[in-house]
Amino acid sequence: MTIDFHTHCFPDSIAGKAISKLSAAAGSEPVADGTVSGLINAGKAAGISLSVVCSIATNPHQEHKVNCFAVSLNDRVPEVAALGSLHPDSENTEDELDYLADHDIKGIKIHPEYAGYYIDSPEWDRILSACEERGFFVVTHAGRDFISPDRIAVTPQRLAKVLDRHKNLTVVAAHLGGNRLWDDVLTYLCGREKLYFDTALIAREGINPETAEKIIAAHGADRILFGSDCPWSSPAKELEFVLSLGLGAEKNRLILSENAEKLLFG
C-alpha cells in the first residue's frame, strides 16, 4: 500500500473555479482538475492506494463546510482519508473537534498564510492546545508559499517555538519541514520526537537529492510521510523522486505507508 499523505480536492460544484483561481495566483498549471475523481485518477496512475485530503478553512465561515466535506468524503470514497480543518477566528473549535472525533477523523490541516497569523502567534494557541489535549495531530503548511512569497508564516524557527510550547502535540510539517528553507529545517527541527515531515512538492520545488537525504537521515525515516500536494504536483513524479533517493526497502515502507497508517488508524 502506498499512501499519499498530502493532497487536495474540492466539491465538484466549485472545483473548476477554485483551481482556476489558485492556478492563476500560483502561476503554474495543476496536474489534475481539483475534483475527487481527478485526484483518484492521478493517484491510481502512480499506484497510490489512499490519498489523504488536506482541505483548509480559509475563514471561520468555511470551517464547518470544510469539515462536512471531509466527513462526506470518508463516508463515500474509499480511496481517500480526509482531514478536518480549524480557523483561529472561529468560536466553534470544541464543537468542530467533537464533530470530527465522532466521525473518526484524527487530524486537521491548517495553513497560517491563508488565516493571516504566524504559526507562533497567540491566535493559534487555543486551537493547538485543544488538539494537544484531545490527541489530534495537526498538519501545517511550512516554508514558502506562492500566495505570500515575502511573508513566511511558518518558518522552522517559528515552528520550533510552537513545539516548545506544545510538547505533547503531534505536528506534520509539510514540504519536508519548510519549503525552500531546508537548511533551517536541519538546524531547528530535525530530531524532534513529536514532529513529522511530509515530502509534498519537494520534487517540483527542485530540492537537491542530497539535501533530502540529509534531512531524512537527521530526522529519521520513522517520521517522514510521502506526500505529493496533488493537484499542484504529480503523485507519480513525487513518488519517483522519493524512490530515487535509494533509502532502502525498510525506510521506503515506513515513508510510503506505515508512518501514515500509524497517524490515521493507530
Protein backbone atom coordinates (compact mmCIF):
# COMPACT_ATOMS: atom_id res chain seq x y z
CA MET A 1 0.00 0.00 0.00
CA THR A 2 1.21 3.50 -0.85
CA ILE A 3 -0.41 6.43 0.98
CA ASP A 4 -0.17 9.98 -0.34
CA PHE A 5 -0.44 12.00 2.88
CA HIS A 6 -0.84 15.45 1.32
CA THR A 7 -3.42 16.05 -1.42
CA HIS A 8 -6.25 18.45 -2.20
CA CYS A 9 -9.62 18.31 -3.90
CA PHE A 10 -12.84 20.29 -3.82
CA PRO A 11 -16.56 19.62 -4.17
CA ASP A 12 -17.32 19.14 -7.84
CA SER A 13 -19.55 22.23 -7.84
CA ILE A 14 -16.65 24.58 -7.04
CA ALA A 15 -13.58 22.63 -8.19
CA GLY A 16 -13.24 24.39 -11.54
CA LYS A 17 -13.49 27.87 -10.06
CA ALA A 18 -11.15 27.06 -7.15
CA ILE A 19 -8.47 25.51 -9.33
CA SER A 20 -8.63 28.34 -11.86
CA LYS A 21 -8.21 30.97 -9.14
CA LEU A 22 -5.38 29.16 -7.37
CA SER A 23 -3.60 28.31 -10.60
CA ALA A 24 -3.65 31.94 -11.68
CA ALA A 25 -2.29 33.05 -8.31
CA ALA A 26 0.45 30.43 -8.36
CA GLY A 27 1.41 31.00 -11.96
CA SER A 28 1.53 27.26 -12.58
CA GLU A 29 -0.70 24.64 -14.12
CA PRO A 30 -2.23 21.88 -11.95
CA VAL A 31 -1.83 18.22 -12.84
CA ALA A 32 -5.47 17.38 -12.03
CA ASP A 33 -8.77 19.24 -12.21
CA GLY A 34 -9.38 19.54 -8.47
CA THR A 35 -12.31 17.13 -8.37
CA VAL A 36 -12.43 14.00 -6.24
CA SER A 37 -12.34 11.79 -9.32
CA GLY A 38 -9.42 13.78 -10.72
CA LEU A 39 -7.45 13.18 -7.52
CA ILE A 40 -8.25 9.48 -7.51
CA ASN A 41 -7.24 9.08 -11.14
CA ALA A 42 -3.93 10.87 -10.57
CA GLY A 43 -3.28 8.65 -7.60
CA LYS A 44 -4.13 5.45 -9.43
CA ALA A 45 -1.72 6.37 -12.22
CA ALA A 46 1.05 6.44 -9.60
CA GLY A 47 -0.04 3.31 -7.76
CA ILE A 48 -1.43 5.27 -4.79
CA SER A 49 -3.83 3.25 -2.64
CA LEU A 50 -5.07 6.04 -0.36
CA SER A 51 -4.95 9.83 -0.73
CA VAL A 52 -5.16 12.00 2.39
CA VAL A 53 -7.20 15.10 1.57
CA CYS A 54 -6.00 18.23 3.36
CA SER A 55 -8.75 20.81 2.97
CA ILE A 56 -8.28 24.25 4.50
CA ALA A 57 -10.73 26.54 6.28
CA THR A 58 -9.51 29.88 4.94
CA ASN A 59 -12.04 31.80 7.06
CA PRO A 60 -14.22 30.91 10.06
CA HIS A 61 -17.39 30.74 7.98
CA GLN A 62 -15.93 27.93 5.87
CA GLU A 63 -14.89 25.81 8.83
CA HIS A 64 -17.95 23.60 9.25
CA LYS A 65 -18.50 23.26 5.49
CA VAL A 66 -14.91 22.03 5.11
CA ASN A 67 -15.39 19.53 7.92
CA CYS A 68 -18.70 18.30 6.48
CA PHE A 69 -16.93 17.78 3.14
CA ALA A 70 -14.24 15.74 4.90
CA VAL A 71 -16.82 13.55 6.61
CA SER A 72 -18.75 13.04 3.36
CA LEU A 73 -15.58 12.00 1.53
CA ASN A 74 -14.70 9.46 4.21
CA ASP A 75 -18.22 8.08 4.16
CA ARG A 76 -18.46 7.57 0.41
CA VAL A 77 -14.99 7.46 -1.19
CA PRO A 78 -12.82 4.53 -0.07
CA GLU A 79 -9.77 5.84 -1.93
CA VAL A 80 -9.43 8.88 0.34
CA ALA A 81 -8.97 9.73 4.01
CA ALA A 82 -9.93 13.34 4.60
CA LEU A 83 -8.74 15.52 7.47
CA GLY A 84 -10.65 18.35 9.10
CA SER A 85 -9.62 21.98 9.42
CA LEU A 86 -9.93 24.76 12.02
CA HIS A 87 -9.61 28.53 11.78
CA PRO A 88 -8.24 30.66 14.64
CA ASP A 89 -11.04 33.24 14.34
CA SER A 90 -13.78 30.66 14.81
CA GLU A 91 -15.59 30.34 18.12
CA ASN A 92 -16.57 26.72 17.47
CA THR A 93 -13.28 24.85 17.97
CA GLU A 94 -14.51 22.36 20.56
CA ASP A 95 -17.75 21.66 18.68
CA GLU A 96 -15.84 21.06 15.45
CA LEU A 97 -13.37 18.73 17.16
CA ASP A 98 -16.32 16.84 18.66
CA TYR A 99 -17.82 16.53 15.19
CA LEU A 100 -14.57 15.26 13.71
CA ALA A 101 -13.95 12.83 16.55
CA ASP A 102 -17.49 11.46 16.22
CA HIS A 103 -16.61 10.62 12.61
CA ASP A 104 -13.23 9.04 13.42
CA ILE A 105 -11.14 11.88 11.98
CA LYS A 106 -7.95 12.20 14.00
CA GLY A 107 -6.21 15.17 12.39
CA ILE A 108 -6.65 18.66 10.99
CA LYS A 109 -4.90 20.72 8.33
CA ILE A 110 -4.07 24.39 8.87
CA HIS A 111 -2.50 26.93 6.54
CA PRO A 112 -1.36 30.00 8.51
CA GLU A 113 -0.73 32.05 5.33
CA TYR A 114 -4.43 31.87 4.48
CA ALA A 115 -5.50 32.52 8.07
CA GLY A 116 -3.32 35.61 8.30
CA TYR A 117 -1.47 34.70 11.50
CA TYR A 118 2.07 33.47 12.01
CA ILE A 119 2.15 29.95 13.42
CA ASP A 120 3.65 31.14 16.72
CA SER A 121 1.06 33.91 17.16
CA PRO A 122 -1.25 33.68 20.19
CA GLU A 123 -4.27 33.25 17.90
CA TRP A 124 -3.22 29.67 17.15
CA ASP A 125 -2.57 28.61 20.74
CA ARG A 126 -6.21 27.86 21.57
CA ILE A 127 -6.52 25.51 18.60
CA LEU A 128 -3.16 23.86 19.14
CA SER A 129 -3.85 23.37 22.86
CA ALA A 130 -7.24 21.82 22.12
CA CYS A 131 -5.69 19.42 19.60
CA GLU A 132 -2.89 18.60 22.01
CA GLU A 133 -5.31 17.83 24.85
CA ARG A 134 -7.56 15.69 22.67
CA GLY A 135 -4.87 13.81 20.76
CA PHE A 136 -5.49 15.29 17.30
CA PHE A 137 -2.50 15.66 15.04
CA VAL A 138 -2.01 18.92 13.12
CA VAL A 139 -0.74 19.15 9.54
CA THR A 140 0.56 22.61 8.74
CA HIS A 141 1.94 24.23 5.65
CA ALA A 142 5.60 25.06 6.27
CA GLY A 143 8.02 27.30 4.40
CA ARG A 144 7.48 29.44 1.34
CA ASP A 145 4.12 29.62 -0.42
CA PHE A 146 3.14 31.29 -3.66
CA ILE A 147 0.35 33.30 -2.03
CA SER A 148 2.78 35.17 0.23
CA PRO A 149 6.31 34.98 -1.19
CA ASP A 150 7.54 37.83 1.02
CA ARG A 151 5.84 36.72 4.23
CA ILE A 152 6.51 33.22 5.56
CA ALA A 153 4.06 32.36 8.33
CA VAL A 154 5.67 29.02 9.23
CA THR A 155 9.45 29.16 9.33
CA PRO A 156 11.40 26.41 11.09
CA GLN A 157 12.30 28.89 13.81
CA ARG A 158 8.66 29.84 14.43
CA LEU A 159 7.53 26.23 14.35
CA ALA A 160 10.25 25.31 16.86
CA LYS A 161 8.76 27.84 19.29
CA VAL A 162 5.34 26.24 18.89
CA LEU A 163 6.71 22.78 19.53
CA ASP A 164 8.45 24.02 22.65
CA ARG A 165 5.13 25.38 23.95
CA HIS A 166 3.09 22.31 22.97
CA LYS A 167 5.37 19.42 23.83
CA ASN A 168 2.66 16.73 23.52
CA LEU A 169 1.26 17.94 20.20
CA THR A 170 1.90 15.81 17.14
CA VAL A 171 2.62 18.04 14.13
CA VAL A 172 3.20 17.22 10.48
CA ALA A 173 5.23 19.99 8.83
CA ALA A 174 4.61 19.91 5.10
CA HIS A 175 7.23 20.18 2.37
CA LEU A 176 9.95 18.36 4.31
CA GLY A 177 9.63 20.73 7.25
CA GLY A 178 9.81 24.04 5.39
CA ASN A 179 9.60 24.63 1.66
CA ARG A 180 12.90 26.12 0.37
CA LEU A 181 14.10 26.61 3.96
CA TRP A 182 15.71 23.22 4.28
CA ASP A 183 18.97 24.37 5.86
CA ASP A 184 16.91 25.86 8.70
CA VAL A 185 14.92 22.63 8.95
CA LEU A 186 18.18 20.83 9.70
CA THR A 187 19.15 23.42 12.29
CA TYR A 188 15.88 23.93 14.17
CA LEU A 189 13.57 20.96 13.59
CA CYS A 190 15.30 17.68 12.80
CA GLY A 191 15.17 15.14 15.60
CA ARG A 192 12.08 16.46 17.42
CA GLU A 193 10.13 13.47 18.66
CA LYS A 194 6.51 14.52 18.04
CA LEU A 195 7.22 16.09 14.66
CA TYR A 196 6.73 14.51 11.24
CA PHE A 197 7.67 15.90 7.83
CA ASP A 198 5.81 15.15 4.61
CA THR A 199 7.53 15.19 1.23
CA ALA A 200 4.84 17.13 -0.63
CA LEU A 201 6.02 19.16 -3.62
CA ILE A 202 9.75 18.74 -2.98
CA ALA A 203 10.42 17.25 -6.41
CA ARG A 204 8.57 20.07 -8.16
CA GLU A 205 10.35 22.62 -5.96
CA GLY A 206 13.67 21.18 -7.07
CA ILE A 207 15.19 20.13 -3.76
CA ASN A 208 18.72 18.77 -4.06
CA PRO A 209 18.56 14.99 -3.50
CA GLU A 210 21.50 15.21 -1.11
CA THR A 211 19.60 17.74 0.99
CA ALA A 212 16.53 15.49 1.09
CA GLU A 213 18.66 12.52 2.12
CA LYS A 214 20.36 14.58 4.83
CA ILE A 215 17.05 15.74 6.33
CA ILE A 216 15.57 12.24 6.29
CA ALA A 217 18.70 10.80 7.92
CA ALA A 218 18.80 13.53 10.58
CA HIS A 219 15.11 13.31 11.41
CA GLY A 220 14.53 9.57 10.99
CA ALA A 221 12.58 7.70 8.34
CA ASP A 222 10.04 6.72 11.01
CA ARG A 223 8.80 10.35 10.99
CA ILE A 224 8.67 11.02 7.25
CA LEU A 225 5.44 10.76 5.24
CA PHE A 226 5.19 10.56 1.48
CA GLY A 227 3.06 13.35 0.04
CA SER A 228 2.60 14.88 -3.41
CA ASP A 229 0.47 18.04 -2.97
CA CYS A 230 -1.67 16.88 -5.90
CA PRO A 231 -3.07 18.67 -7.92
CA TRP A 232 -0.05 21.02 -7.63
CA SER A 233 2.41 18.25 -8.38
CA SER A 234 2.16 14.81 -9.90
CA PRO A 235 1.97 11.92 -7.42
CA ALA A 236 3.96 9.83 -9.91
CA LYS A 237 6.71 12.47 -10.17
CA GLU A 238 6.93 12.97 -6.41
CA LEU A 239 6.95 9.23 -5.75
CA GLU A 240 9.64 8.67 -8.36
CA PHE A 241 11.82 11.26 -6.63
CA VAL A 242 11.45 9.69 -3.18
CA LEU A 243 12.24 6.23 -4.53
CA SER A 244 15.24 7.62 -6.40
CA LEU A 245 16.89 8.53 -3.09
CA GLY A 246 17.77 4.86 -2.61
CA LEU A 247 16.75 4.74 1.04
CA GLY A 248 16.13 1.00 1.01
CA ALA A 249 13.05 -1.19 1.34
CA GLU A 250 12.58 -0.79 5.10
CA LYS A 251 12.74 3.03 5.10
CA ASN A 252 10.58 3.24 1.99
CA ARG A 253 7.95 1.07 3.66
CA LEU A 254 7.86 3.45 6.63
CA ILE A 255 7.67 6.56 4.46
CA LEU A 256 5.17 5.25 1.91
CA SER A 257 2.69 3.57 4.24
CA GLU A 258 3.48 2.56 7.80
CA ASN A 259 4.01 6.02 9.30
CA ALA A 260 0.78 7.27 7.72
CA GLU A 261 -1.16 4.24 8.93
CA LYS A 262 0.03 4.93 12.47
CA LEU A 263 -1.28 8.50 12.41
CA LEU A 264 -4.52 7.77 10.60
CA PHE A 265 -5.54 4.48 12.13
CA GLY A 266 -3.29 3.84 15.14
